[in-house]
């Protein structure tokens, strides 16, 4: 069994002084270091979140610009395709008209040649008929 005497008060005072000294020399600086680290970690976390949100906004802007550029490219491609179709139709109609006029000219030329040939043959038919008749009848 413990018998309290004067030394208990000295030990209590010694304990309190030791706690005070340890608090001043060890615990308080460690708490300050821990709080500084917490603050540093919070700052780093805020910076990371800021970078992430900035990166997300940049990616979003990039995707928006990319979709706008794709839409513009599709519009330009469609417009050029339509222009090409119109030009193709124009060239085809011009070529068709040229071909039609060439065919008309060729038909007119052939008709004229047929008419000339028929006229020539009509003139020669009488001669050939007389010659044939003469051969058949023995007149030479």
C-alpha atoms as a PDB file:
ATOM      1  CA  UNK A   1       0.000   0.000   0.000  1.00  0.00           C
ATOM      2  CA  UNK A   2       1.140   3.511  -0.833  1.00  0.00           C
ATOM      3  CA  UNK A   3       1.612   5.950   1.921  1.00  0.00           C
ATOM      4  CA  UNK A   4       1.283   9.573   0.787  1.00  0.00           C
ATOM      5  CA  UNK A   5       3.920  11.897   2.087  1.00  0.00           C
ATOM      6  CA  UNK A   6       5.725  15.058   0.927  1.00  0.00           C
ATOM      7  CA  UNK A   7       7.414  13.375  -2.001  1.00  0.00           C
ATOM      8  CA  UNK A   8       4.120  12.887  -3.753  1.00  0.00           C
ATOM      9  CA  UNK A   9       3.810  16.637  -4.161  1.00  0.00           C
ATOM     10  CA  UNK A  10       7.363  16.869  -5.464  1.00  0.00           C
ATOM     11  CA  UNK A  11       6.691  14.055  -7.930  1.00  0.00           C
ATOM     12  CA  UNK A  12       3.454  15.740  -9.016  1.00  0.00           C
ATOM     13  CA  UNK A  13       5.292  19.033  -9.528  1.00  0.00           C
ATOM     14  CA  UNK A  14       8.076  17.180 -11.361  1.00  0.00           C
ATOM     15  CA  UNK A  15       5.449  15.480 -13.573  1.00  0.00           C
ATOM     16  CA  UNK A  16       3.746  18.790 -14.387  1.00  0.00           C
ATOM     17  CA  UNK A  17       7.080  20.478 -15.179  1.00  0.00           C
ATOM     18  CA  UNK A  18       8.047  17.530 -17.419  1.00  0.00           C
ATOM     19  CA  UNK A  19       4.692  17.721 -19.245  1.00  0.00           C
ATOM     20  CA  UNK A  20       5.113  21.489 -19.711  1.00  0.00           C
ATOM     21  CA  UNK A  21       8.694  21.114 -20.990  1.00  0.00           C
ATOM     22  CA  UNK A  22       7.728  18.255 -23.317  1.00  0.00           C
ATOM     23  CA  UNK A  23       4.801  20.307 -24.587  1.00  0.00           C
ATOM     24  CA  UNK A  24       7.034  23.284 -25.297  1.00  0.00           C
ATOM     25  CA  UNK A  25       9.945  21.323 -26.764  1.00  0.00           C
ATOM     26  CA  UNK A  26       8.261  18.418 -28.623  1.00  0.00           C
ATOM     27  CA  UNK A  27       4.491  18.423 -28.848  1.00  0.00           C
ATOM     28  CA  UNK A  28       3.968  22.057 -29.885  1.00  0.00           C
ATOM     29  CA  UNK A  29       6.586  21.970 -32.727  1.00  0.00           C
ATOM     30  CA  UNK A  30       5.235  18.621 -33.940  1.00  0.00           C
ATOM     31  CA  UNK A  31       1.695  20.026 -34.013  1.00  0.00           C
ATOM     32  CA  UNK A  32       2.923  23.075 -35.915  1.00  0.00           C
ATOM     33  CA  UNK A  33       4.682  20.841 -38.463  1.00  0.00           C
ATOM     34  CA  UNK A  34       1.548  18.697 -38.826  1.00  0.00           C
ATOM     35  CA  UNK A  35      -0.633  21.794 -39.313  1.00  0.00           C
ATOM     36  CA  UNK A  36       1.825  23.188 -41.894  1.00  0.00           C
ATOM     37  CA  UNK A  37       1.733  19.865 -43.751  1.00  0.00           C
ATOM     38  CA  UNK A  38      -2.061  19.878 -43.668  1.00  0.00           C
ATOM     39  CA  UNK A  39      -2.051  23.403 -45.093  1.00  0.00           C
ATOM     40  CA  UNK A  40       0.480  22.419 -47.767  1.00  0.00           C
ATOM     41  CA  UNK A  41      -1.532  19.328 -48.660  1.00  0.00           C
ATOM     42  CA  UNK A  42      -4.714  21.427 -48.861  1.00  0.00           C
ATOM     43  CA  UNK A  43      -2.943  23.932 -51.154  1.00  0.00           C
ATOM     44  CA  UNK A  44      -1.614  21.126 -53.336  1.00  0.00           C
ATOM     45  CA  UNK A  45      -5.071  19.548 -53.474  1.00  0.00           C
ATOM     46  CA  UNK A  46      -6.595  22.894 -54.501  1.00  0.00           C
ATOM     47  CA  UNK A  47      -3.965  23.304 -57.224  1.00  0.00           C
ATOM     48  CA  UNK A  48      -4.619  19.766 -58.465  1.00  0.00           C
ATOM     49  CA  UNK A  49      -8.362  20.392 -58.551  1.00  0.00           C
ATOM     50  CA  UNK A  50      -7.732  23.688 -60.356  1.00  0.00           C
ATOM     51  CA  UNK A  51      -5.542  21.967 -62.927  1.00  0.00           C
ATOM     52  CA  UNK A  52      -8.134  19.227 -63.388  1.00  0.00           C
ATOM     53  CA  UNK A  53     -10.988  21.678 -63.884  1.00  0.00           C
ATOM     54  CA  UNK A  54      -8.808  23.746 -66.232  1.00  0.00           C
ATOM     55  CA  UNK A  55      -7.901  20.636 -68.201  1.00  0.00           C
ATOM     56  CA  UNK A  56     -11.547  19.566 -68.363  1.00  0.00           C
ATOM     57  CA  UNK A  57     -12.598  22.998 -69.634  1.00  0.00           C
ATOM     58  CA  UNK A  58      -9.815  22.953 -72.222  1.00  0.00           C
ATOM     59  CA  UNK A  59     -10.836  19.469 -73.376  1.00  0.00           C
ATOM     60  CA  UNK A  60     -14.446  20.620 -73.571  1.00  0.00           C
ATOM     61  CA  UNK A  61     -13.441  23.710 -75.584  1.00  0.00           C
ATOM     62  CA  UNK A  62     -11.283  21.550 -77.858  1.00  0.00           C
ATOM     63  CA  UNK A  63     -14.144  19.134 -78.460  1.00  0.00           C
ATOM     64  CA  UNK A  64     -16.519  22.029 -79.186  1.00  0.00           C
ATOM     65  CA  UNK A  65     -14.075  23.597 -81.621  1.00  0.00           C
ATOM     66  CA  UNK A  66     -13.488  20.213 -83.233  1.00  0.00           C
ATOM     67  CA  UNK A  67     -17.220  19.628 -83.700  1.00  0.00           C
ATOM     68  CA  UNK A  68     -17.615  23.145 -85.167  1.00  0.00           C
ATOM     69  CA  UNK A  69     -14.690  22.516 -87.530  1.00  0.00           C
ATOM     70  CA  UNK A  70     -16.165  19.174 -88.590  1.00  0.00           C
ATOM     71  CA  UNK A  71     -19.539  20.800 -89.238  1.00  0.00           C
ATOM     72  CA  UNK A  72     -17.887  23.555 -91.291  1.00  0.00           C
ATOM     73  CA  UNK A  73     -15.895  20.962 -93.232  1.00  0.00           C
ATOM     74  CA  UNK A  74     -19.067  18.982 -93.944  1.00  0.00           C
ATOM     75  CA  UNK A  75     -20.829  22.171 -95.076  1.00  0.00           C
ATOM     76  CA  UNK A  76     -17.922  23.091 -97.351  1.00  0.00           C
ATOM     77  CA  UNK A  77     -17.742  19.560 -98.742  1.00  0.00           C
ATOM     78  CA  UNK A  78     -21.493  19.530 -99.401  1.00  0.00           C
ATOM     79  CA  UNK A  79     -21.337  22.957-101.071  1.00  0.00           C
ATOM     80  CA  UNK A  80     -18.418  21.905-103.283  1.00  0.00           C
ATOM     81  CA  UNK A  81     -20.192  18.661-104.149  1.00  0.00           C
ATOM     82  CA  UNK A  82     -23.305  20.620-105.132  1.00  0.00           C
ATOM     83  CA  UNK A  83     -21.195  23.035-107.202  1.00  0.00           C
ATOM     84  CA  UNK A  84     -19.535  20.071-108.906  1.00  0.00           C
ATOM     85  CA  UNK A  85     -22.922  18.517-109.666  1.00  0.00           C
ATOM     86  CA  UNK A  86     -24.185  21.777-111.174  1.00  0.00           C
ATOM     87  CA  UNK A  87     -21.006  22.161-113.231  1.00  0.00           C
ATOM     88  CA  UNK A  88     -21.247  18.532-114.349  1.00  0.00           C
ATOM     89  CA  UNK A  89     -24.853  19.056-115.459  1.00  0.00           C
ATOM     90  CA  UNK A  90     -23.845  22.225-117.324  1.00  0.00           C
ATOM     91  CA  UNK A  91     -20.975  20.453-119.067  1.00  0.00           C
ATOM     92  CA  UNK A  92     -23.218  17.521-119.913  1.00  0.00           C
ATOM     93  CA  UNK A  93     -25.869  19.822-121.392  1.00  0.00           C
ATOM     94  CA  UNK A  94     -23.213  21.679-123.417  1.00  0.00           C
ATOM     95  CA  UNK A  95     -21.745  18.370-124.586  1.00  0.00           C
ATOM     96  CA  UNK A  96     -25.248  17.115-125.400  1.00  0.00           C
ATOM     97  CA  UNK A  97     -25.980  20.258-127.389  1.00  0.00           C
ATOM     98  CA  UNK A  98     -22.650  19.949-129.227  1.00  0.00           C
ATOM     99  CA  UNK A  99     -23.311  16.285-129.939  1.00  0.00           C
ATOM    100  CA  UNK A 100     -26.842  17.091-131.110  1.00  0.00           C
ATOM    101  CA  UNK A 101     -25.612  19.830-133.437  1.00  0.00           C
ATOM    102  CA  UNK A 102     -22.860  17.530-134.759  1.00  0.00           C
ATOM    103  CA  UNK A 103     -25.415  14.775-135.361  1.00  0.00           C
ATOM    104  CA  UNK A 104     -27.771  17.263-137.059  1.00  0.00           C
ATOM    105  CA  UNK A 105     -24.938  18.475-139.303  1.00  0.00           C
ATOM    106  CA  UNK A 106     -23.908  14.890-140.098  1.00  0.00           C
ATOM    107  CA  UNK A 107     -27.514  13.950-140.938  1.00  0.00           C
ATOM    108  CA  UNK A 108     -27.877  17.011-143.167  1.00  0.00           C
ATOM    109  CA  UNK A 109     -24.608  16.155-144.914  1.00  0.00           C
ATOM    110  CA  UNK A 110     -25.651  12.519-145.363  1.00  0.00           C
ATOM    111  CA  UNK A 111     -29.040  13.655-146.664  1.00  0.00           C
ATOM    112  CA  UNK A 112     -27.349  15.966-149.175  1.00  0.00           C
ATOM    113  CA  UNK A 113     -24.986  13.184-150.254  1.00  0.00           C
ATOM    114  CA  UNK A 114     -27.934  10.766-150.617  1.00  0.00           C
ATOM    115  CA  UNK A 115     -29.795  13.380-152.662  1.00  0.00           C
ATOM    116  CA  UNK A 116     -26.751  13.923-154.898  1.00  0.00           C
ATOM    117  CA  UNK A 117     -26.258  10.163-155.259  1.00  0.00           C
ATOM    118  CA  UNK A 118     -29.937   9.671-156.083  1.00  0.00           C
ATOM    119  CA  UNK A 119     -29.762  12.469-158.664  1.00  0.00           C
ATOM    120  CA  UNK A 120     -26.631  10.951-160.172  1.00  0.00           C
ATOM    121  CA  UNK A 121     -28.179   7.474-160.197  1.00  0.00           C
ATOM    122  CA  UNK A 122     -31.385   8.811-161.711  1.00  0.00           C
ATOM    123  CA  UNK A 123     -29.364  10.300-164.575  1.00  0.00           C
ATOM    124  CA  UNK A 124     -27.349   7.118-164.992  1.00  0.00           C
ATOM    125  CA  UNK A 125     -30.366   4.779-164.700  1.00  0.00           C
ATOM    126  CA  UNK A 126     -31.614   5.748-168.158  1.00  0.00           C
ATOM    127  CA  UNK A 127     -28.199   5.059-169.666  1.00  0.00           C
ATOM    128  CA  UNK A 128     -27.878   1.740-167.809  1.00  0.00           C
ATOM    129  CA  UNK A 129     -31.435   0.753-168.777  1.00  0.00           C
ATOM    130  CA  UNK A 130     -30.728   1.475-172.449  1.00  0.00           C
ATOM    131  CA  UNK A 131     -27.446  -0.415-172.265  1.00  0.00           C
ATOM    132  CA  UNK A 132     -29.090  -3.363-170.524  1.00  0.00           C
ATOM    133  CA  UNK A 133     -31.963  -3.369-172.972  1.00  0.00           C
ATOM    134  CA  UNK A 134     -29.534  -3.225-175.819  1.00  0.00           C
ATOM    135  CA  UNK A 135     -27.578  -6.208-174.489  1.00  0.00           C
ATOM    136  CA  UNK A 136     -30.716  -8.166-173.900  1.00  0.00           C
ATOM    137  CA  UNK A 137     -31.985  -7.481-177.376  1.00  0.00           C
ATOM    138  CA  UNK A 138     -28.608  -8.143-178.858  1.00  0.00           C
ATOM    139  CA  UNK A 139     -27.815  -4.695-180.030  1.00  0.00           C
ATOM    140  CA  UNK A 140     -24.607  -3.813-178.866  1.00  0.00           C
END
